[in-house]
């Protein structure tokens, strides 16, 4: 029998049961649509998060004691001696120390409790921060221990909702500071904490905290572009100075963290990719459910069309023709369902991204050819797998038994 006759018979069989065919494809529509939607939305938010992190230089490193993230533990392990030794490394530049203050800040009736950084001008270079109003901290501010401050955009808005903050005096703890600058907003809710930071000269924070030995944090940049070489130099130096015997390079043995923002991006990328894959796999379960639905409907179809199968065999249809006919019906159902699912998922994804963009800002819809083709191919394979059993059952029917079936 000609292939065209087999294809025609398959299409006719689907056409005769249009409602059943539509309902059968629904499971595939939901399955493929769910996979495409989860993968594309996951990729969109992955791109969004990475864009925020990439606003910092990939060559920037941060160094701090391990206990900074563990309340109740001793967080003082990075010393002023460590700072000077790090500055002498040939693989680093723009070294910015920081001492944290926890005082409340007030201006008139307004009061906030921001993260206060006692630091130097290099921090603005390392964090790629730009000035919006006024100026940044200078070497003169630090050397002269001047009571001046630079506000993050959110801190400025909270303290001065209806005023220009430049030149105004705010109270930090019990000390007055003159506002000399406001940082340009990072433009994202993910960076809201950065926009709330208040910066004061390092020497002033050192005096307020009474520090003579330890500092809280160091930010620096790699010199020469070799981040791994810079990391090895910093780690080796701090292990030597802290008397840490760690030939296995086991980070758990160190009393400090030394990592680049590039490493942070890699970690974030791995985590977001894992989450996207996990969501895609969960959504893929609905594809299997759709496949089971196709097999069930095809079995019912084989039973209802037993006489038709017998008649076709009686007029010369071979077993392979019957097998191919029912396989084609299953594959066509999954392909149609897959195409509808992809189109629906893209439309819904665009809608969700538009809503998220209004709430968060900076989100663009990310979808790749792979995220479309993979679910489609998977749907066809599912149709093939779950269509084989009903097709084989139909192909094995003998013409006499089939035509005598009631």
Protein backbone atom coordinates (compact mmCIF):
# COMPACT_ATOMS: atom_id res chain seq x y z
CA UNK A 1 0.00 0.00 0.00
CA UNK A 2 1.27 3.49 -0.85
CA UNK A 3 2.62 5.71 1.95
CA UNK A 4 0.26 8.47 0.81
CA UNK A 5 -2.71 6.14 1.41
CA UNK A 6 -1.43 5.39 4.93
CA UNK A 7 -1.03 9.09 5.69
CA UNK A 8 -4.48 9.82 4.25
CA UNK A 9 -6.02 7.09 6.41
CA UNK A 10 -4.30 8.46 9.53
CA UNK A 11 -5.53 12.01 8.86
CA UNK A 12 -9.04 10.75 8.14
CA UNK A 13 -9.05 8.84 11.41
CA UNK A 14 -8.11 11.99 13.35
CA UNK A 15 -10.66 14.07 11.44
CA UNK A 16 -13.51 11.70 12.25
CA UNK A 17 -12.81 12.05 15.97
CA UNK A 18 -12.06 15.78 16.07
CA UNK A 19 -13.31 16.39 19.62
CA UNK A 20 -11.46 13.38 20.98
CA UNK A 21 -8.30 14.45 19.13
CA UNK A 22 -8.53 17.96 20.58
CA UNK A 23 -8.97 16.67 24.12
CA UNK A 24 -6.09 14.23 23.62
CA UNK A 25 -3.73 17.01 22.57
CA UNK A 26 -4.64 19.05 25.67
CA UNK A 27 -2.28 17.04 27.86
CA UNK A 28 0.56 17.62 25.40
CA UNK A 29 -0.31 21.33 25.15
CA UNK A 30 -0.07 21.67 28.93
CA UNK A 31 3.08 19.55 29.13
CA UNK A 32 5.05 21.28 26.38
CA UNK A 33 3.73 24.70 27.41
CA UNK A 34 4.78 24.13 31.03
CA UNK A 35 8.30 23.09 30.05
CA UNK A 36 8.81 26.03 27.68
CA UNK A 37 7.30 28.49 30.17
CA UNK A 38 9.37 27.28 33.12
CA UNK A 39 12.61 27.23 31.14
CA UNK A 40 12.05 30.63 29.52
CA UNK A 41 10.92 32.37 32.72
CA UNK A 42 13.82 30.78 34.60
CA UNK A 43 16.23 32.00 31.92
CA UNK A 44 14.70 35.49 32.07
CA UNK A 45 15.20 35.79 35.81
CA UNK A 46 18.67 34.24 35.53
CA UNK A 47 19.61 36.93 33.02
CA UNK A 48 18.06 39.58 35.30
CA UNK A 49 20.07 38.48 38.33
CA UNK A 50 23.31 38.17 36.37
CA UNK A 51 22.80 41.63 34.88
CA UNK A 52 22.64 43.05 38.40
CA UNK A 53 25.81 41.24 39.48
CA UNK A 54 27.59 42.19 36.26
CA UNK A 55 27.13 45.84 37.18
CA UNK A 56 30.11 45.21 39.43
CA UNK A 57 33.50 44.62 37.88
CA UNK A 58 34.31 40.92 37.42
CA UNK A 59 37.86 41.76 38.56
CA UNK A 60 36.65 42.92 41.98
CA UNK A 61 37.50 40.79 45.03
CA UNK A 62 36.10 40.91 48.52
CA UNK A 63 37.89 39.73 51.65
CA UNK A 64 36.32 39.34 55.05
CA UNK A 65 36.34 37.09 58.09
CA UNK A 66 34.24 33.94 57.93
CA UNK A 67 32.32 34.85 61.04
CA UNK A 68 30.75 37.91 59.38
CA UNK A 69 27.90 35.67 58.24
CA UNK A 70 27.57 33.79 61.55
CA UNK A 71 25.96 35.73 64.38
CA UNK A 72 27.60 35.11 67.73
CA UNK A 73 31.01 34.17 66.34
CA UNK A 74 34.23 36.15 66.49
CA UNK A 75 34.34 38.14 63.23
CA UNK A 76 37.70 39.81 63.75
CA UNK A 77 40.46 38.07 61.81
CA UNK A 78 41.51 40.55 59.10
CA UNK A 79 44.10 42.97 60.50
CA UNK A 80 45.57 46.30 59.49
CA UNK A 81 48.82 44.39 58.92
CA UNK A 82 46.95 42.14 56.46
CA UNK A 83 45.67 45.25 54.70
CA UNK A 84 49.17 46.72 54.23
CA UNK A 85 50.56 43.36 53.08
CA UNK A 86 47.75 43.00 50.51
CA UNK A 87 48.46 46.50 49.21
CA UNK A 88 52.07 45.40 48.54
CA UNK A 89 50.97 42.55 46.26
CA UNK A 90 51.79 43.23 42.61
CA UNK A 91 48.58 41.54 41.44
CA UNK A 92 46.12 43.89 43.20
CA UNK A 93 45.00 47.49 42.83
CA UNK A 94 42.42 49.89 44.26
CA UNK A 95 42.48 48.33 47.74
CA UNK A 96 39.59 49.68 49.83
CA UNK A 97 39.30 48.71 53.53
CA UNK A 98 36.03 49.08 55.42
CA UNK A 99 34.88 49.28 59.02
CA UNK A 100 31.16 48.89 59.64
CA UNK A 101 29.12 51.17 61.86
CA UNK A 102 25.71 50.26 63.24
CA UNK A 103 24.55 53.67 64.48
CA UNK A 104 21.18 55.09 63.56
CA UNK A 105 21.10 58.15 61.33
CA UNK A 106 18.68 61.03 61.76
CA UNK A 107 17.80 64.32 60.13
CA UNK A 108 15.01 66.32 61.70
CA UNK A 109 12.13 63.89 62.25
CA UNK A 110 13.47 61.36 59.77
CA UNK A 111 15.47 58.42 61.07
CA UNK A 112 16.97 55.37 59.36
CA UNK A 113 19.19 52.44 60.35
CA UNK A 114 21.29 51.84 57.23
CA UNK A 115 24.48 49.87 56.63
CA UNK A 116 27.28 52.40 57.28
CA UNK A 117 30.62 51.86 55.54
CA UNK A 118 33.72 53.58 56.86
CA UNK A 119 35.88 53.32 53.77
CA UNK A 120 38.07 55.06 51.18
CA UNK A 121 37.46 56.44 47.70
CA UNK A 122 38.58 53.17 46.06
CA UNK A 123 35.35 51.44 47.11
CA UNK A 124 33.42 53.46 44.53
CA UNK A 125 35.77 52.27 41.77
CA UNK A 126 35.61 48.64 42.86
CA UNK A 127 31.82 48.62 43.09
CA UNK A 128 31.34 50.66 39.88
CA UNK A 129 29.34 53.29 41.77
CA UNK A 130 28.64 56.65 40.09
CA UNK A 131 27.89 59.99 41.65
CA UNK A 132 24.47 61.54 41.11
CA UNK A 133 24.87 64.73 43.13
CA UNK A 134 27.89 66.39 44.72
CA UNK A 135 31.10 64.40 45.03
CA UNK A 136 32.55 61.14 46.34
CA UNK A 137 34.85 60.70 49.31
CA UNK A 138 38.46 61.80 48.72
CA UNK A 139 41.90 61.02 50.14
CA UNK A 140 41.72 64.40 51.88
CA UNK A 141 38.53 63.39 53.69
CA UNK A 142 40.25 60.26 55.00
CA UNK A 143 43.56 61.87 55.94
CA UNK A 144 41.84 64.80 57.62
CA UNK A 145 39.25 62.55 59.35
CA UNK A 146 36.54 64.90 58.09
CA UNK A 147 32.95 64.45 59.22
CA UNK A 148 31.51 64.15 55.72
CA UNK A 149 29.29 61.48 54.21
CA UNK A 150 28.07 60.19 50.85
CA UNK A 151 24.57 58.72 50.79
CA UNK A 152 23.16 55.91 48.73
CA UNK A 153 20.16 57.02 46.66
CA UNK A 154 17.61 55.23 48.87
CA UNK A 155 19.17 56.57 52.07
CA UNK A 156 19.04 60.08 50.63
CA UNK A 157 15.40 59.67 49.66
CA UNK A 158 14.45 58.34 53.10
CA UNK A 159 16.21 61.16 54.96
CA UNK A 160 15.42 63.98 52.54
CA UNK A 161 12.12 63.16 50.81
CA UNK A 162 11.49 66.79 49.83
CA UNK A 163 14.91 68.44 50.10
CA UNK A 164 18.25 68.56 48.37
CA UNK A 165 20.57 66.68 50.77
CA UNK A 166 23.82 68.38 49.70
CA UNK A 167 25.30 70.49 52.47
CA UNK A 168 22.82 69.27 55.07
CA UNK A 169 24.08 67.93 58.40
CA UNK A 170 22.87 64.52 59.55
CA UNK A 171 23.43 62.86 62.90
CA UNK A 172 25.25 59.52 62.90
CA UNK A 173 25.07 58.19 66.43
CA UNK A 174 26.08 61.28 68.38
CA UNK A 175 28.23 62.87 65.68
CA UNK A 176 27.28 65.37 62.96
CA UNK A 177 28.20 64.68 59.32
CA UNK A 178 27.85 66.95 56.31
CA UNK A 179 26.35 65.36 53.19
CA UNK A 180 28.73 65.95 50.28
CA UNK A 181 27.34 63.51 47.71
CA UNK A 182 24.58 61.13 46.66
CA UNK A 183 25.26 57.91 44.74
CA UNK A 184 23.37 57.22 41.52
CA UNK A 185 20.64 54.61 42.03
CA UNK A 186 21.49 51.08 40.97
CA UNK A 187 18.03 50.87 39.44
CA UNK A 188 16.95 47.48 40.71
CA UNK A 189 15.19 46.03 43.77
CA UNK A 190 18.05 43.50 43.98
CA UNK A 191 20.41 46.41 44.58
CA UNK A 192 18.14 48.16 47.10
CA UNK A 193 20.50 47.32 49.96
CA UNK A 194 23.37 48.87 48.01
CA UNK A 195 21.27 52.01 47.47
CA UNK A 196 20.74 52.25 51.24
CA UNK A 197 24.43 52.25 52.23
CA UNK A 198 25.91 55.38 53.80
CA UNK A 199 29.64 56.05 53.32
CA UNK A 200 31.93 57.88 55.74
CA UNK A 201 35.74 58.25 55.76
CA UNK A 202 37.66 55.18 56.92
CA UNK A 203 39.67 57.12 59.50
CA UNK A 204 36.47 58.46 61.08
CA UNK A 205 34.91 54.99 61.38
CA UNK A 206 38.19 53.70 62.83
CA UNK A 207 38.11 56.37 65.54
CA UNK A 208 34.41 55.85 66.32
CA UNK A 209 34.86 52.08 66.71
CA UNK A 210 38.19 52.45 68.51
CA UNK A 211 39.84 50.03 66.11
CA UNK A 212 43.60 49.62 66.14
CA UNK A 213 44.03 45.99 65.04
CA UNK A 214 41.13 44.62 63.03
CA UNK A 215 39.05 45.71 60.04
CA UNK A 216 35.81 44.21 58.77
CA UNK A 217 36.14 44.08 55.02
CA UNK A 218 38.45 44.69 52.07
CA UNK A 219 37.45 45.27 48.46
CA UNK A 220 40.05 45.33 45.71
CA UNK A 221 40.56 44.72 42.02
CA UNK A 222 42.77 42.27 40.19
CA UNK A 223 45.70 43.88 38.39
CA UNK A 224 46.50 42.39 35.01
CA UNK A 225 43.21 40.56 34.53
CA UNK A 226 44.31 37.20 35.96
CA UNK A 227 41.75 36.68 38.71
CA UNK A 228 42.96 33.19 39.61
CA UNK A 229 46.53 34.39 40.10
CA UNK A 230 45.27 37.25 42.25
CA UNK A 231 43.17 34.86 44.33
CA UNK A 232 46.12 32.52 44.89
CA UNK A 233 48.35 35.43 45.95
CA UNK A 234 45.78 36.74 48.46
CA UNK A 235 45.01 33.31 49.89
CA UNK A 236 48.68 32.35 50.22
CA UNK A 237 49.49 35.66 51.91
CA UNK A 238 46.65 35.47 54.43
CA UNK A 239 47.34 31.82 55.25
CA UNK A 240 50.97 32.67 55.93
CA UNK A 241 50.09 35.67 58.08
CA UNK A 242 47.36 33.75 59.97
CA UNK A 243 49.57 30.65 60.45
CA UNK A 244 47.09 28.41 58.61
CA UNK A 245 48.61 25.14 57.40
CA UNK A 246 46.46 24.25 54.41
CA UNK A 247 48.43 22.46 51.65
CA UNK A 248 45.20 20.81 50.42
CA UNK A 249 43.73 24.26 49.62
CA UNK A 250 40.67 23.40 51.71
CA UNK A 251 38.65 26.58 52.12
CA UNK A 252 36.97 25.22 55.25
CA UNK A 253 40.29 25.49 57.10
CA UNK A 254 40.68 29.21 56.41
CA UNK A 255 39.37 31.90 58.77
CA UNK A 256 38.57 34.25 55.89
CA UNK A 257 36.80 34.47 52.55
CA UNK A 258 38.64 35.76 49.48
CA UNK A 259 36.54 35.58 46.34
CA UNK A 260 35.90 37.58 43.21
CA UNK A 261 32.57 38.82 41.94
CA UNK A 262 33.32 36.67 38.89
CA UNK A 263 33.20 33.61 41.17
CA UNK A 264 29.96 34.88 42.68
CA UNK A 265 28.51 35.15 39.17
CA UNK A 266 29.53 31.57 38.42
CA UNK A 267 27.87 30.36 41.63
CA UNK A 268 24.69 32.32 40.87
CA UNK A 269 24.69 31.01 37.31
CA UNK A 270 25.02 27.41 38.54
CA UNK A 271 22.25 27.83 41.11
CA UNK A 272 19.82 29.52 38.73
CA UNK A 273 20.53 26.98 36.00
CA UNK A 274 19.89 24.15 38.46
CA UNK A 275 16.60 25.73 39.54
CA UNK A 276 15.53 26.22 35.91
CA UNK A 277 16.42 22.60 35.10
CA UNK A 278 14.53 21.39 38.16
CA UNK A 279 11.43 23.37 37.22
CA UNK A 280 11.70 22.09 33.65
CA UNK A 281 11.89 18.49 34.83
CA UNK A 282 8.86 18.93 37.08
CA UNK A 283 6.93 20.47 34.20
CA UNK A 284 8.11 17.58 32.01
CA UNK A 285 6.12 15.18 34.18
CA UNK A 286 2.96 16.58 32.62
CA UNK A 287 4.36 15.50 29.24
CA UNK A 288 4.42 11.92 30.49
CA UNK A 289 0.86 12.31 31.71
CA UNK A 290 -0.09 13.58 28.26
CA UNK A 291 1.67 10.58 26.73
CA UNK A 292 -0.33 8.19 28.89
CA UNK A 293 -3.49 9.99 27.76
CA UNK A 294 -2.51 9.50 24.12
CA UNK A 295 -1.90 5.80 24.65
CA UNK A 296 -5.26 5.43 26.37
CA UNK A 297 -7.14 7.22 23.58
CA UNK A 298 -5.28 5.31 20.88
CA UNK A 299 -6.19 1.99 22.53
CA UNK A 300 -9.83 3.06 22.57
CA UNK A 301 -9.49 4.10 18.93
CA UNK A 302 -8.02 0.71 17.99
CA UNK A 303 -10.96 -1.05 19.67
CA UNK A 304 -13.55 1.15 17.98
CA UNK A 305 -11.93 0.81 14.55
CA UNK A 306 -11.30 -2.93 14.65
CA UNK A 307 -13.60 -3.59 11.67
CA UNK A 308 -11.93 -0.78 9.74
CA UNK A 309 -8.55 -2.35 10.40
CA UNK A 310 -9.84 -5.74 9.21
CA UNK A 311 -11.23 -4.18 6.06
CA UNK A 312 -8.00 -2.42 5.25
CA UNK A 313 -6.06 -5.63 5.74
CA UNK A 314 -8.55 -7.50 3.54
CA UNK A 315 -7.93 -5.09 0.66
CA UNK A 316 -4.16 -5.40 0.89
CA UNK A 317 -2.88 -3.29 3.81
CA UNK A 318 0.19 -4.81 5.39
CA UNK A 319 0.99 -4.99 9.09
CA UNK A 320 3.56 -2.21 8.66
CA UNK A 321 0.90 0.01 7.02
CA UNK A 322 -1.45 -0.36 9.99
CA UNK A 323 1.41 0.17 12.45
CA UNK A 324 2.52 3.30 10.61
CA UNK A 325 -1.03 4.65 10.40
CA UNK A 326 -1.60 4.60 14.15
CA UNK A 327 1.91 5.83 14.92
CA UNK A 328 1.33 8.77 12.58
CA UNK A 329 -1.92 9.58 14.36
CA UNK A 330 -0.13 9.62 17.74
CA UNK A 331 2.79 11.70 16.42
CA UNK A 332 0.51 14.21 14.69
CA UNK A 333 -1.49 14.66 17.90
CA UNK A 334 1.65 15.33 19.94
CA UNK A 335 3.14 17.62 17.29
CA UNK A 336 -0.01 19.73 17.07
CA UNK A 337 -0.26 19.84 20.85
CA UNK A 338 3.44 20.74 21.08
CA UNK A 339 3.16 23.65 18.61
CA UNK A 340 0.09 25.03 20.41
CA UNK A 341 1.89 24.60 23.76
CA UNK A 342 4.97 26.49 22.54
CA UNK A 343 2.92 29.38 21.14
CA UNK A 344 0.82 29.59 24.30
CA UNK A 345 3.87 29.43 26.56
CA UNK A 346 5.66 32.21 24.66
CA UNK A 347 2.57 34.42 24.88
CA UNK A 348 2.09 33.76 28.58
CA UNK A 349 5.81 34.21 29.22
CA UNK A 350 5.80 37.60 27.50
CA UNK A 351 2.81 38.64 29.62
CA UNK A 352 4.45 37.48 32.87
CA UNK A 353 7.71 39.22 31.95
CA UNK A 354 5.87 42.46 31.19
CA UNK A 355 4.18 42.36 34.60
CA UNK A 356 7.47 41.51 36.37
CA UNK A 357 9.23 44.27 34.45
CA UNK A 358 6.74 46.83 35.75
CA UNK A 359 7.28 45.61 39.32
CA UNK A 360 11.05 45.04 39.26
CA UNK A 361 12.36 46.78 36.16
CA UNK A 362 15.11 45.61 33.84
CA UNK A 363 13.63 42.18 33.03
CA UNK A 364 13.65 41.03 29.42
CA UNK A 365 12.06 37.86 28.09
CA UNK A 366 14.71 35.24 27.37
CA UNK A 367 13.95 32.26 25.19
CA UNK A 368 16.27 30.15 23.07
CA UNK A 369 15.76 27.90 20.09
CA UNK A 370 16.83 24.98 22.29
CA UNK A 371 14.11 25.69 24.85
CA UNK A 372 11.55 25.46 22.02
CA UNK A 373 12.91 22.54 20.02
CA UNK A 374 13.74 20.30 22.99
CA UNK A 375 10.14 20.13 24.37
CA UNK A 376 8.79 19.71 20.82
CA UNK A 377 11.16 16.84 20.06
CA UNK A 378 10.40 15.35 23.48
CA UNK A 379 6.66 15.55 22.73
CA UNK A 380 7.14 13.72 19.42
CA UNK A 381 9.24 11.05 21.14
CA UNK A 382 6.55 10.71 23.84
CA UNK A 383 3.92 10.30 21.12
CA UNK A 384 6.08 7.70 19.39
CA UNK A 385 6.74 5.74 22.58
CA UNK A 386 3.18 5.78 23.87
CA UNK A 387 1.75 5.18 20.40
CA UNK A 388 3.78 2.04 19.70
CA UNK A 389 1.71 -0.31 21.88
CA UNK A 390 -1.71 0.65 20.44
CA UNK A 391 -0.24 0.63 16.92
CA UNK A 392 1.26 -2.83 17.38
CA UNK A 393 -1.99 -4.09 18.81
CA UNK A 394 -3.81 -2.81 15.73
CA UNK A 395 -1.20 -4.24 13.36
CA UNK A 396 -1.43 -7.72 14.91
CA UNK A 397 -5.19 -8.08 14.35
CA UNK A 398 -6.05 -10.73 11.75
CA UNK A 399 -8.45 -9.63 8.99
CA UNK A 400 -11.03 -12.35 9.75
CA UNK A 401 -11.13 -11.66 13.52
CA UNK A 402 -11.21 -7.93 12.97
CA UNK A 403 -14.06 -7.96 10.49
CA UNK A 404 -16.08 -10.32 12.71
CA UNK A 405 -15.54 -8.08 15.81
CA UNK A 406 -18.67 -6.74 17.48
